[in-house]
Amino acid sequence: MPWTPLNPQRRVLNATSLSYVIVILDTSIVNVALEPIAASLGASVAGLQWVVTAYTLAFASLLLSGGALGDRIGAKPTYIAGLLIFALASALCALAPSLPVLIAARVLQGIGAALLVPCALALITAAYPTPDGRARAIGIWAGFGGIAMAAGPLVGGLLIHLLG
């Protein structure tokens, strides 16, 4: 199958890579925004720690459950549910009027990420049945995650500078 952005394999890889970038960016980008968050919501250091920890704790603790749910009801519906939860929680984070609402929205983001990430791998595995193709696709997917982790502070700084 030719390598084009429109073939079914490439669409799966594009979608899962983009969503993984967003999940990983969210892990590191918020660290740059802690000072503006503290100023706008009157957050203490302990409150800011919860802003960071709520996401990573929910994400890490539910990752295996997200994979098991994907195995039980299907990778695609679980992936889509995770993406929708993550997107809605991100909007809630942006609109959060108080620190408790922000922390709750960060927990929801972590839940969405925990559904999305393991199912992304399952979707890639299904889309790339040959070992060589699968290894290449997972390498690309993981590479985008690495780039996102490194770019998170830069992107966060740019967003804060441009949007406040």
Protein backbone atom coordinates (compact mmCIF):
# COMPACT_ATOMS: atom_id res chain seq x y z
CA MET A 1 0.00 0.00 0.00
CA PRO A 2 1.51 3.38 -0.99
CA TRP A 3 2.49 5.82 1.72
CA THR A 4 0.01 8.68 1.50
CA PRO A 5 -1.74 10.63 4.24
CA LEU A 6 -5.08 9.28 3.04
CA ASN A 7 -4.52 5.52 3.14
CA PRO A 8 -6.25 3.79 6.06
CA GLN A 9 -3.03 2.83 7.83
CA ARG A 10 -1.68 6.35 7.61
CA ARG A 11 -4.95 7.85 8.88
CA VAL A 12 -4.76 5.63 11.96
CA LEU A 13 -1.12 6.58 12.54
CA ASN A 14 -1.84 10.30 12.01
CA ALA A 15 -4.80 10.31 14.40
CA THR A 16 -3.11 8.28 17.13
CA SER A 17 0.12 10.27 16.87
CA LEU A 18 -1.70 13.59 17.07
CA SER A 19 -3.72 12.52 20.09
CA TYR A 20 -0.59 11.16 21.78
CA VAL A 21 1.19 14.47 21.17
CA ILE A 22 -1.68 16.30 22.85
CA VAL A 23 -1.66 13.93 25.83
CA ILE A 24 2.11 14.24 26.29
CA LEU A 25 2.09 18.00 25.76
CA ASP A 26 -0.48 18.30 28.50
CA THR A 27 1.84 16.47 30.87
CA SER A 28 4.59 19.07 30.54
CA ILE A 29 2.91 22.22 29.27
CA VAL A 30 1.05 22.95 32.51
CA ASN A 31 4.33 23.25 34.42
CA VAL A 32 5.11 26.46 32.56
CA ALA A 33 1.65 27.85 33.32
CA LEU A 34 1.80 27.41 37.10
CA GLU A 35 2.65 31.03 37.85
CA PRO A 36 -0.24 32.47 35.81
CA ILE A 37 -2.57 29.82 37.27
CA ALA A 38 -1.54 30.82 40.79
CA ALA A 39 -2.09 34.49 39.98
CA SER A 40 -5.49 34.05 38.35
CA LEU A 41 -6.94 31.48 40.75
CA GLY A 42 -5.15 32.48 43.95
CA ALA A 43 -3.61 29.04 44.26
CA SER A 44 -1.12 28.03 46.92
CA VAL A 45 1.91 25.87 46.21
CA ALA A 46 -0.02 22.83 47.48
CA GLY A 47 -2.89 23.66 45.14
CA LEU A 48 -0.51 23.98 42.20
CA GLN A 49 1.01 20.62 43.08
CA TRP A 50 -2.47 19.12 42.79
CA VAL A 51 -2.96 20.75 39.38
CA VAL A 52 0.06 18.81 38.13
CA THR A 53 -0.45 15.64 40.17
CA ALA A 54 -4.19 15.20 39.52
CA TYR A 55 -3.57 14.58 35.83
CA THR A 56 -0.56 12.31 36.15
CA LEU A 57 -2.06 10.32 39.02
CA ALA A 58 -5.33 9.64 37.17
CA PHE A 59 -3.49 8.90 33.93
CA ALA A 60 -0.93 6.52 35.43
CA SER A 61 -3.30 4.71 37.77
CA LEU A 62 -5.95 4.05 35.12
CA LEU A 63 -3.71 3.23 32.15
CA LEU A 64 -4.00 -0.55 32.55
CA SER A 65 -7.75 -0.28 33.13
CA GLY A 66 -8.05 1.76 29.93
CA GLY A 67 -6.31 -1.00 28.01
CA ALA A 68 -8.51 -3.67 29.58
CA LEU A 69 -11.63 -1.68 28.73
CA GLY A 70 -10.40 -1.36 25.16
CA ASP A 71 -9.95 -5.13 25.02
CA ARG A 72 -13.43 -5.67 26.39
CA ILE A 73 -15.52 -3.19 24.34
CA GLY A 74 -13.15 -2.47 21.48
CA ALA A 75 -10.17 -0.21 20.91
CA LYS A 76 -11.91 2.23 18.60
CA PRO A 77 -14.90 3.12 20.81
CA THR A 78 -12.69 3.33 23.89
CA TYR A 79 -10.19 5.52 22.02
CA ILE A 80 -12.96 7.84 20.82
CA ALA A 81 -14.48 8.01 24.32
CA GLY A 82 -11.05 8.86 25.74
CA LEU A 83 -10.51 11.54 23.11
CA LEU A 84 -13.92 13.09 23.82
CA ILE A 85 -13.38 13.04 27.60
CA PHE A 86 -9.93 14.56 27.15
CA ALA A 87 -11.22 17.31 24.84
CA LEU A 88 -14.16 18.21 27.08
CA ALA A 89 -11.94 18.19 30.17
CA SER A 90 -9.44 20.44 28.38
CA ALA A 91 -12.20 22.94 27.65
CA LEU A 92 -13.27 22.75 31.29
CA CYS A 93 -9.67 23.42 32.35
CA ALA A 94 -9.57 26.51 30.15
CA LEU A 95 -12.84 27.79 31.64
CA ALA A 96 -12.21 26.73 35.25
CA PRO A 97 -13.35 29.52 37.59
CA SER A 98 -11.62 28.06 40.64
CA LEU A 99 -8.78 25.79 41.68
CA PRO A 100 -11.04 22.86 42.70
CA VAL A 101 -12.76 22.92 39.31
CA LEU A 102 -9.38 23.01 37.58
CA ILE A 103 -8.13 20.06 39.62
CA ALA A 104 -11.30 18.06 38.88
CA ALA A 105 -10.94 18.84 35.17
CA ARG A 106 -7.32 17.69 35.29
CA VAL A 107 -8.47 14.38 36.78
CA LEU A 108 -10.92 14.03 33.88
CA GLN A 109 -8.10 14.76 31.43
CA GLY A 110 -6.09 11.97 33.02
CA ILE A 111 -9.03 9.59 32.69
CA GLY A 112 -9.41 10.47 29.02
CA ALA A 113 -5.68 10.00 28.43
CA ALA A 114 -5.75 6.62 30.19
CA LEU A 115 -8.45 5.45 27.79
CA LEU A 116 -6.85 6.95 24.72
CA VAL A 117 -3.19 5.91 24.95
CA PRO A 118 -3.41 2.11 25.25
CA CYS A 119 -6.15 1.99 22.63
CA ALA A 120 -4.00 4.05 20.28
CA LEU A 121 -1.42 1.27 20.41
CA ALA A 122 -4.11 -1.35 19.80
CA LEU A 123 -5.36 0.60 16.78
CA ILE A 124 -1.83 0.85 15.38
CA THR A 125 -1.31 -2.87 15.94
CA ALA A 126 -4.52 -3.65 14.07
CA ALA A 127 -3.73 -1.26 11.22
CA TYR A 128 -0.19 -2.59 10.72
CA PRO A 129 -0.34 -6.40 10.70
CA THR A 130 3.24 -7.03 9.56
CA PRO A 131 6.00 -6.87 12.19
CA ASP A 132 8.13 -4.45 10.16
CA GLY A 133 5.27 -2.07 9.45
CA ARG A 134 4.07 -2.24 13.04
CA ALA A 135 7.53 -1.56 14.44
CA ARG A 136 7.96 1.43 12.14
CA ALA A 137 4.50 2.80 13.02
CA ILE A 138 5.02 2.40 16.77
CA GLY A 139 8.45 4.04 16.41
CA ILE A 140 6.86 7.02 14.66
CA TRP A 141 4.10 7.21 17.29
CA ALA A 142 6.60 7.07 20.16
CA GLY A 143 8.90 9.54 18.42
CA PHE A 144 6.11 12.09 18.24
CA GLY A 145 5.56 11.56 21.98
CA GLY A 146 9.23 12.28 22.64
CA ILE A 147 9.12 15.43 20.55
CA ALA A 148 5.98 16.53 22.39
CA MET A 149 7.61 16.02 25.79
CA ALA A 150 10.59 18.11 24.77
CA ALA A 151 8.43 20.78 23.12
CA GLY A 152 5.93 21.08 26.01
CA PRO A 153 7.72 23.85 27.92
CA LEU A 154 8.37 25.80 24.71
CA VAL A 155 4.76 25.47 23.54
CA GLY A 156 3.53 26.38 27.02
CA GLY A 157 5.70 29.48 27.07
CA LEU A 158 4.47 30.54 23.65
CA LEU A 159 0.83 30.02 24.60
CA ILE A 160 1.22 32.00 27.81
CA HIS A 161 3.07 34.77 26.00
CA LEU A 162 0.53 34.97 23.15
CA LEU A 163 -2.72 34.20 24.98
CA GLY A 164 -1.98 35.00 28.61
